Amino acid sequence: MTNNENTSSSAAPLPYAGVRVVEFTHMVMGPTCGLLLGDLGAEVIKVEPIEGDSTRRLLGSGAGFFPTFNRNKKSIALDLKKPEGIEAALRLIASADIVSENFKPGTMKKLGLDYESLSRINPRLIYVSHKGFLPGPYDHRTALDEVVQMMGGLAYMTGRQGDPLRAGTSVNDIMGGMFGAIGAMAALRQREITGKGCEVQSALFENNVFLVAQHMMQFAATGKAADPMPSRISAWGIYDVFTVKDGEQIFLAVVSDKQWAVFCKAFGLMDMHADPRLATNNDRVRAREWLMPQLRSRLAEFGAAELARVFEENELPFAPITKPQDLFDDPHLNATGGLAPVRMNDGSTSKVPLMPFTVGGERPGIRLQPPTLNEHGAQLLREAGYSDEQIAGLVAQGITTRVD
């Protein structure tokens, strides 16, 4: 697998081909923005510190961050604490359409790489800033995905009463980066009209509030507070996880009166279908307290695979309870090209999910593998006007690193 491998068979130009992005990002939120733009064809230049993005070295839940969020990017290592490093960064930015960053408030201003400074040099520049909070009373706080989930109602809705629980993935970091990319796309279109760039801001807290808006509006519409998801009153009579034969689990749903009739016929539950107390979905919701124990008992004799087969044959909603590692072997993902070969931090190869959409029938693929540190540094510096002798001088001063 070469670094320039393209997993897409489409010869059509990608929609953001010709757009140059220079990103000063780390962890998940900022890199997700560049990932989306890069997958859609932009040239994304990742400016890393001399020691490299910290996600190259994370363990535990962060061990997969770098290969997940940094494909289709070029890497250059620069010491931004030194004037020569800033000068090199400014040369890269001079040819950029978009600058993206997710450092603490004030960091880029200290470096002279904030929007106000850069827009004076290039009024057409689009500057995407990913923060914990949009400007306001909270913007001095340090935010993490878990922090905003707790203060933004998502952890309350995910956990049980009295036991707030963060969602099982970095939902705000990932979506915050996506909204940053959407803002950049909107700003590019606006620039076509006005000829001027602008600053785009995306924030974790506001993203989280957008996610729980449906629960806020439930209260506005009904005057009743939304219960956490584990204890909520479902809108559908059968909509739950069932423990069945041999202790296996499966999610089953029957969400309409037509589905209820099909379900009862498929499993020989005609006595339930004839019960006037269960005639409509709302009746079944009101009857859940006694209905669900009966259903659990009657379905417990079936295996999860048999239940899945019957539900699929009858076009009823169901889902196996899948662990993340099982998805590598998912037949649908593999048959549809939803997973692509990716280079891991240690040089080995795994598979990674691609963007969950198609453009012209094609999933945006991997053109560039997640880069090794400074993999494109010399090339990018030459393009920025540095001679080989000058590049060697920057290496000798520790402004950048050598690529063997």
Protein backbone atom coordinates (compact mmCIF):
# COMPACT_ATOMS: atom_id res chain seq x y z
CA MET A 1 0.00 0.00 0.00
CA THR A 2 1.58 3.26 -1.09
CA ASN A 3 0.98 6.66 0.40
CA ASN A 4 -0.78 7.80 -2.76
CA GLU A 5 -3.16 4.86 -2.93
CA ASN A 6 -6.62 5.94 -4.01
CA THR A 7 -9.38 3.64 -2.84
CA SER A 8 -11.97 5.33 -5.02
CA SER A 9 -12.53 4.14 -8.59
CA SER A 10 -14.16 7.41 -9.63
CA ALA A 11 -12.33 9.56 -12.18
CA ALA A 12 -14.58 12.55 -11.52
CA PRO A 13 -12.85 15.48 -9.79
CA LEU A 14 -13.61 15.77 -6.10
CA PRO A 15 -15.70 18.83 -5.18
CA TYR A 16 -13.00 20.64 -3.18
CA ALA A 17 -10.03 19.80 -5.40
CA GLY A 18 -7.84 22.90 -5.69
CA VAL A 19 -8.74 24.19 -2.21
CA ARG A 20 -5.74 24.45 0.13
CA VAL A 21 -6.21 24.05 3.87
CA VAL A 22 -3.51 24.68 6.48
CA GLU A 23 -4.51 23.21 9.81
CA PHE A 24 -3.04 23.79 13.25
CA THR A 25 -5.04 21.10 14.98
CA HIS A 26 -4.74 18.23 17.41
CA MET A 27 -6.86 15.56 19.09
CA VAL A 28 -10.30 15.09 17.40
CA MET A 29 -12.35 18.24 16.79
CA GLY A 30 -9.98 20.21 14.55
CA PRO A 31 -8.63 17.13 12.72
CA THR A 32 -12.20 16.06 11.89
CA CYS A 33 -12.74 19.33 10.02
CA GLY A 34 -9.62 18.72 7.93
CA LEU A 35 -10.57 15.07 7.45
CA LEU A 36 -13.90 16.00 5.88
CA LEU A 37 -12.39 18.66 3.62
CA GLY A 38 -9.52 16.35 2.67
CA ASP A 39 -11.81 13.44 1.85
CA LEU A 40 -13.71 15.80 -0.46
CA GLY A 41 -10.57 16.70 -2.37
CA ALA A 42 -8.91 19.62 -0.57
CA GLU A 43 -5.15 19.68 -0.08
CA VAL A 44 -4.86 19.62 3.71
CA ILE A 45 -1.50 20.54 5.24
CA LYS A 46 -1.17 19.46 8.85
CA VAL A 47 1.30 21.65 10.75
CA GLU A 48 2.64 19.59 13.64
CA PRO A 49 5.03 20.45 16.48
CA ILE A 50 8.55 19.06 16.21
CA GLU A 51 7.63 16.13 18.45
CA GLY A 52 4.50 15.45 16.38
CA ASP A 53 0.78 15.52 17.11
CA SER A 54 0.24 14.06 20.58
CA THR A 55 -2.37 11.65 19.22
CA ARG A 56 0.45 9.75 17.52
CA ARG A 57 1.43 8.57 21.02
CA LEU A 58 -1.86 8.22 22.90
CA LEU A 59 -2.80 4.94 24.55
CA GLY A 60 -6.16 3.51 25.60
CA SER A 61 -9.24 5.13 24.10
CA GLY A 62 -7.05 7.56 22.15
CA ALA A 63 -4.88 4.94 20.47
CA GLY A 64 -6.84 5.11 17.20
CA PHE A 65 -7.29 8.88 17.00
CA PHE A 66 -4.48 9.68 14.56
CA PRO A 67 -5.23 7.10 11.82
CA THR A 68 -8.97 7.78 12.14
CA PHE A 69 -8.89 11.56 11.70
CA ASN A 70 -5.74 12.32 9.68
CA ARG A 71 -5.98 10.59 6.32
CA ASN A 72 -5.79 12.65 3.12
CA LYS A 73 -3.41 15.12 4.76
CA LYS A 74 0.20 16.19 4.33
CA SER A 75 2.44 16.65 7.36
CA ILE A 76 5.02 19.32 8.05
CA ALA A 77 6.75 19.73 11.41
CA LEU A 78 7.50 23.30 12.50
CA ASP A 79 8.64 24.85 15.75
CA LEU A 80 6.18 27.72 16.12
CA LYS A 81 7.96 28.99 19.21
CA LYS A 82 10.71 30.34 16.95
CA PRO A 83 10.37 33.20 14.45
CA GLU A 84 11.68 31.04 11.63
CA GLY A 85 8.93 28.52 12.28
CA ILE A 86 6.29 31.26 12.18
CA GLU A 87 7.79 32.58 8.95
CA ALA A 88 7.53 29.14 7.35
CA ALA A 89 3.92 28.84 8.53
CA LEU A 90 3.08 32.25 7.08
CA ARG A 91 4.52 31.21 3.74
CA LEU A 92 2.24 28.16 3.71
CA ILE A 93 -0.75 30.29 4.72
CA ALA A 94 -0.03 32.77 1.92
CA SER A 95 -1.32 30.22 -0.59
CA ALA A 96 -4.14 28.85 1.59
CA ASP A 97 -7.87 29.21 1.17
CA ILE A 98 -8.63 27.97 4.68
CA VAL A 99 -6.80 27.98 8.00
CA SER A 100 -8.19 25.69 10.69
CA GLU A 101 -7.19 25.61 14.37
CA ASN A 102 -8.41 24.25 17.70
CA PHE A 103 -5.96 25.59 20.27
CA LYS A 104 -6.87 27.31 23.53
CA PRO A 105 -8.28 30.81 23.15
CA GLY A 106 -5.45 33.31 22.73
CA THR A 107 -2.81 30.81 21.59
CA MET A 108 -2.98 31.69 17.89
CA LYS A 109 -3.05 35.42 18.68
CA LYS A 110 0.19 35.10 20.65
CA LEU A 111 1.74 33.47 17.60
CA GLY A 112 0.42 36.15 15.25
CA LEU A 113 -1.63 33.48 13.47
CA ASP A 114 -5.10 34.63 14.56
CA TYR A 115 -7.79 35.64 12.07
CA GLU A 116 -7.36 39.38 12.62
CA SER A 117 -3.64 39.22 11.85
CA LEU A 118 -3.92 36.87 8.88
CA SER A 119 -6.93 38.59 7.29
CA ARG A 120 -4.89 41.79 6.99
CA ILE A 121 -2.42 39.83 4.87
CA ASN A 122 -5.04 37.88 2.92
CA PRO A 123 -8.61 39.29 3.00
CA ARG A 124 -9.84 36.23 1.07
CA LEU A 125 -8.74 33.83 3.83
CA ILE A 126 -11.35 31.68 5.58
CA TYR A 127 -10.39 31.00 9.17
CA VAL A 128 -12.05 28.14 11.06
CA SER A 129 -11.74 28.24 14.83
CA HIS A 130 -12.85 25.22 16.90
CA LYS A 131 -13.39 26.00 20.57
CA GLY A 132 -15.18 24.80 23.68
CA PHE A 133 -17.68 27.65 23.63
CA LEU A 134 -18.71 30.38 21.25
CA PRO A 135 -17.81 33.88 22.53
CA GLY A 136 -19.68 34.64 25.74
CA PRO A 137 -19.67 34.12 29.51
CA TYR A 138 -18.24 30.59 29.28
CA ASP A 139 -15.55 31.13 26.68
CA HIS A 140 -12.75 31.32 29.27
CA ARG A 141 -13.48 27.78 30.48
CA THR A 142 -11.53 24.72 29.42
CA ALA A 143 -13.90 22.35 27.66
CA LEU A 144 -13.74 18.67 26.81
CA ASP A 145 -16.34 16.47 25.16
CA GLU A 146 -17.26 15.02 28.55
CA VAL A 147 -17.46 18.48 30.14
CA VAL A 148 -20.04 19.75 27.66
CA GLN A 149 -21.97 16.49 27.73
CA MET A 150 -22.40 16.94 31.48
CA MET A 151 -23.34 20.63 31.36
CA GLY A 152 -25.33 20.37 28.13
CA GLY A 153 -27.85 17.71 29.15
CA LEU A 154 -26.54 14.84 27.00
CA ALA A 155 -25.00 12.86 29.87
CA TYR A 156 -28.25 13.29 31.83
CA MET A 157 -30.26 11.93 28.90
CA THR A 158 -27.86 9.03 28.25
CA GLY A 159 -27.54 7.72 31.80
CA ARG A 160 -30.09 6.45 34.28
CA GLN A 161 -31.73 8.68 36.85
CA GLY A 162 -29.00 9.93 39.19
CA ASP A 163 -26.24 8.39 37.07
CA PRO A 164 -25.24 10.78 34.23
CA LEU A 165 -23.21 8.99 31.60
CA ARG A 166 -21.24 10.34 28.66
CA ALA A 167 -22.08 8.96 25.23
CA GLY A 168 -19.82 6.13 24.12
CA THR A 169 -17.90 8.13 21.51
CA SER A 170 -16.55 11.65 20.99
CA VAL A 171 -19.83 12.93 19.59
CA ASN A 172 -19.26 16.64 20.20
CA ASP A 173 -15.63 16.63 19.06
CA ILE A 174 -16.54 14.84 15.83
CA MET A 175 -19.70 16.82 15.11
CA GLY A 176 -18.03 20.07 16.15
CA GLY A 177 -15.36 19.42 13.51
CA MET A 178 -18.03 18.57 10.96
CA PHE A 179 -19.87 21.83 11.65
CA GLY A 180 -16.55 23.65 11.29
CA ALA A 181 -16.15 22.08 7.85
CA ILE A 182 -19.74 22.95 6.91
CA GLY A 183 -19.07 26.53 7.99
CA ALA A 184 -15.94 26.57 5.83
CA MET A 185 -17.94 25.31 2.87
CA ALA A 186 -20.51 28.04 3.40
CA ALA A 187 -17.75 30.64 3.68
CA LEU A 188 -16.18 29.45 0.41
CA ARG A 189 -19.53 29.94 -1.31
CA GLN A 190 -19.94 33.36 0.31
CA ARG A 191 -16.45 34.32 -0.88
CA GLU A 192 -17.52 33.55 -4.45
CA ILE A 193 -20.21 36.22 -4.01
CA THR A 194 -18.36 38.86 -1.97
CA GLY A 195 -14.72 38.23 -2.81
CA LYS A 196 -13.90 38.24 0.91
CA GLY A 197 -13.12 35.58 3.44
CA CYS A 198 -14.41 35.45 7.01
CA GLU A 199 -13.99 33.72 10.34
CA VAL A 200 -16.00 30.57 11.09
CA GLN A 201 -16.43 29.44 14.68
CA SER A 202 -17.61 26.04 15.88
CA ALA A 203 -17.92 25.03 19.53
CA LEU A 204 -18.39 21.88 21.61
CA PHE A 205 -21.01 23.27 23.99
CA GLU A 206 -23.24 24.72 21.31
CA ASN A 207 -22.93 21.50 19.32
CA ASN A 208 -24.06 19.53 22.36
CA VAL A 209 -27.04 21.85 22.90
CA PHE A 210 -28.03 21.27 19.26
CA LEU A 211 -27.95 17.52 19.93
CA VAL A 212 -30.34 17.77 22.89
CA ALA A 213 -32.62 20.34 21.21
CA GLN A 214 -35.29 17.69 20.64
CA HIS A 215 -35.51 17.12 24.40
CA MET A 216 -35.64 20.85 25.10
CA MET A 217 -38.45 21.22 22.60
CA GLN A 218 -40.27 18.22 24.04
CA PHE A 219 -40.49 20.21 27.27
CA ALA A 220 -41.57 23.32 25.35
CA ALA A 221 -44.30 21.37 23.58
CA THR A 222 -45.60 19.31 26.51
CA GLY A 223 -44.55 21.13 29.67
CA LYS A 224 -43.05 17.86 30.89
CA ALA A 225 -39.34 17.27 31.28
CA ALA A 226 -37.79 14.55 29.13
CA ASP A 227 -36.79 11.48 31.12
CA PRO A 228 -33.31 10.00 30.59
CA MET A 229 -33.30 7.52 27.73
CA PRO A 230 -33.10 4.37 29.92
CA SER A 231 -36.25 5.39 31.83
CA ARG A 232 -38.13 7.29 29.13
CA ILE A 233 -41.66 6.49 28.09
CA SER A 234 -41.17 5.20 24.58
CA ALA A 235 -43.28 6.53 21.75
CA TRP A 236 -43.70 2.93 20.54
CA GLY A 237 -45.12 -0.12 22.24
CA ILE A 238 -42.31 -2.55 21.39
CA TYR A 239 -38.95 -0.79 21.14
CA ASP A 240 -36.40 -2.47 23.39
CA VAL A 241 -33.53 -4.89 23.92
CA PHE A 242 -34.60 -8.49 24.54
CA THR A 243 -32.53 -11.16 26.26
CA VAL A 244 -33.34 -14.42 24.53
CA LYS A 245 -32.11 -18.02 24.25
CA ASP A 246 -28.63 -18.72 25.67
CA GLY A 247 -28.47 -15.21 27.11
CA GLU A 248 -28.09 -13.55 23.72
CA GLN A 249 -29.46 -10.04 23.23
CA ILE A 250 -31.18 -8.36 20.30
CA PHE A 251 -33.01 -5.08 19.76
CA LEU A 252 -36.55 -5.48 18.42
CA ALA A 253 -39.04 -2.82 17.37
CA VAL A 254 -42.69 -2.83 16.31
CA VAL A 255 -43.61 0.78 15.63
CA SER A 256 -46.91 0.74 13.76
CA ASP A 257 -50.23 -1.06 13.86
CA LYS A 258 -49.45 -2.76 10.54
CA GLN A 259 -46.14 -4.01 11.93
CA TRP A 260 -47.94 -5.25 15.04
CA ALA A 261 -50.21 -7.42 12.89
CA VAL A 262 -47.23 -8.79 10.94
CA PHE A 263 -45.27 -9.42 14.14
CA CYS A 264 -48.13 -11.27 15.86
CA LYS A 265 -48.73 -13.48 12.81
CA ALA A 266 -45.01 -14.27 12.40
CA PHE A 267 -44.67 -15.46 16.00
CA GLY A 268 -48.10 -17.01 16.54
CA LEU A 269 -49.26 -14.28 18.91
CA MET A 270 -52.77 -14.02 17.55
CA ASP A 271 -54.24 -13.90 21.04
CA MET A 272 -52.34 -10.66 21.60
CA HIS A 273 -53.41 -9.32 18.22
CA ALA A 274 -57.02 -9.96 19.14
CA ASP A 275 -56.72 -8.30 22.56
CA PRO A 276 -58.62 -4.97 22.40
CA ARG A 277 -56.26 -3.53 25.03
CA LEU A 278 -53.47 -3.75 22.43
CA ALA A 279 -55.34 -2.50 19.37
CA THR A 280 -53.26 0.60 18.66
CA ASN A 281 -49.69 1.67 19.22
CA ASN A 282 -50.77 4.10 21.93
CA ASP A 283 -52.69 1.28 23.62
CA ARG A 284 -49.54 -0.84 23.58
CA VAL A 285 -47.49 2.03 25.03
CA ARG A 286 -49.96 2.29 27.91
CA ALA A 287 -49.86 -1.50 28.35
CA ARG A 288 -46.06 -1.82 28.37
CA GLU A 289 -45.92 -2.59 32.10
CA TRP A 290 -47.71 -5.92 31.63
CA LEU A 291 -47.19 -6.44 27.89
CA MET A 292 -43.37 -6.41 27.85
CA PRO A 293 -42.90 -9.17 30.49
CA GLN A 294 -45.25 -11.40 28.50
CA LEU A 295 -43.42 -10.71 25.24
CA ARG A 296 -40.03 -11.27 26.84
CA SER A 297 -41.21 -14.63 28.17
CA ARG A 298 -42.67 -15.77 24.86
CA LEU A 299 -39.69 -14.67 22.76
CA ALA A 300 -37.09 -16.09 25.19
CA GLU A 301 -37.30 -19.52 23.54
CA PHE A 302 -35.93 -18.15 20.26
CA GLY A 303 -32.26 -17.58 19.48
CA ALA A 304 -31.11 -14.13 18.42
CA ALA A 305 -30.24 -15.35 14.92
CA GLU A 306 -33.70 -16.89 14.44
CA LEU A 307 -35.40 -13.70 15.63
CA ALA A 308 -33.24 -11.67 13.25
CA ARG A 309 -34.15 -13.95 10.35
CA VAL A 310 -37.90 -13.68 11.00
CA PHE A 311 -37.77 -9.92 11.52
CA GLU A 312 -35.76 -9.42 8.32
CA GLU A 313 -38.07 -11.68 6.29
CA ASN A 314 -41.06 -9.67 7.52
CA GLU A 315 -39.39 -6.25 7.08
CA LEU A 316 -39.56 -5.49 10.80
CA PRO A 317 -36.89 -3.34 12.50
CA PHE A 318 -34.23 -5.23 14.47
CA ALA A 319 -30.56 -4.98 15.34
CA PRO A 320 -27.92 -7.28 16.77
CA ILE A 321 -26.03 -5.90 19.76
CA THR A 322 -22.66 -5.34 18.11
CA LYS A 323 -19.30 -4.44 19.61
CA PRO A 324 -17.14 -1.93 17.69
CA GLN A 325 -14.45 -4.50 16.83
CA ASP A 326 -17.10 -6.72 15.20
CA LEU A 327 -17.73 -4.05 12.55
CA PHE A 328 -14.46 -4.86 10.78
CA ASP A 329 -16.17 -8.06 9.56
CA ASP A 330 -19.59 -6.55 8.88
CA PRO A 331 -20.73 -7.94 5.51
CA HIS A 332 -22.57 -4.77 4.48
CA LEU A 333 -19.64 -2.46 5.23
CA ASN A 334 -17.23 -4.72 3.39
CA ALA A 335 -19.52 -5.30 0.40
CA THR A 336 -20.23 -1.59 -0.09
CA GLY A 337 -16.67 -0.32 0.30
CA GLY A 338 -17.42 1.37 3.59
CA LEU A 339 -14.05 0.31 5.04
CA ALA A 340 -10.70 1.17 3.45
CA PRO A 341 -7.10 0.12 4.18
CA VAL A 342 -5.35 2.62 6.45
CA ARG A 343 -1.82 2.93 7.80
CA MET A 344 -1.65 2.75 11.59
CA ASN A 345 0.81 4.64 13.80
CA ASP A 346 3.15 1.63 13.95
CA GLY A 347 3.15 1.17 10.18
CA SER A 348 0.78 -1.79 10.18
CA THR A 349 -2.42 -1.81 8.14
CA SER A 350 -6.00 -1.94 9.35
CA LYS A 351 -9.34 -0.84 7.95
CA VAL A 352 -11.07 2.45 8.73
CA PRO A 353 -14.64 3.64 8.08
CA LEU A 354 -15.02 6.13 5.24
CA MET A 355 -17.40 9.07 5.15
CA PRO A 356 -21.04 7.93 5.47
CA PHE A 357 -22.19 9.34 2.14
CA THR A 358 -21.61 8.99 -1.58
CA VAL A 359 -20.88 11.64 -4.20
CA GLY A 360 -21.94 10.55 -7.65
CA GLY A 361 -22.33 7.03 -6.35
CA GLU A 362 -18.81 6.87 -4.89
CA ARG A 363 -17.63 6.99 -1.29
CA PRO A 364 -14.83 9.59 -0.96
CA GLY A 365 -11.73 7.42 -0.56
CA ILE A 366 -8.20 7.58 0.77
CA ARG A 367 -5.80 9.38 -1.55
CA LEU A 368 -3.12 9.93 1.07
CA GLN A 369 -2.51 7.67 4.03
CA PRO A 370 -2.21 9.30 7.48
CA PRO A 371 1.22 10.91 7.12
CA THR A 372 4.33 10.10 9.06
CA LEU A 373 5.69 13.08 10.93
CA ASN A 374 7.00 15.74 8.51
CA GLU A 375 6.53 13.33 5.61
CA HIS A 376 5.83 16.20 3.20
CA GLY A 377 7.87 18.87 4.96
CA ALA A 378 10.68 19.30 2.45
CA GLN A 379 8.28 19.24 -0.49
CA LEU A 380 6.02 21.87 1.07
CA LEU A 381 8.95 24.11 2.02
CA ARG A 382 10.30 23.95 -1.54
CA GLU A 383 6.87 24.91 -2.85
CA ALA A 384 6.92 27.83 -0.39
CA GLY A 385 10.17 29.10 -1.91
CA TYR A 386 12.84 27.57 0.33
CA SER A 387 16.00 26.22 -1.28
CA ASP A 388 17.47 22.88 -0.26
CA GLU A 389 20.24 24.76 1.55
CA GLN A 390 17.70 26.83 3.47
CA ILE A 391 15.74 23.70 4.36
CA ALA A 392 18.93 22.08 5.64
CA GLY A 393 19.50 25.20 7.74
CA LEU A 394 16.00 24.94 9.23
CA VAL A 395 16.71 21.31 10.12
CA ALA A 396 20.02 22.26 11.73
CA GLN A 397 18.27 24.94 13.84
CA GLY A 398 15.53 22.54 14.93
CA ILE A 399 12.85 24.55 13.15
CA THR A 400 11.81 21.42 11.27
CA THR A 401 12.91 17.80 11.26
CA ARG A 402 14.79 15.66 8.77
CA VAL A 403 12.88 13.18 6.61
CA ASP A 404 14.96 10.11 5.77
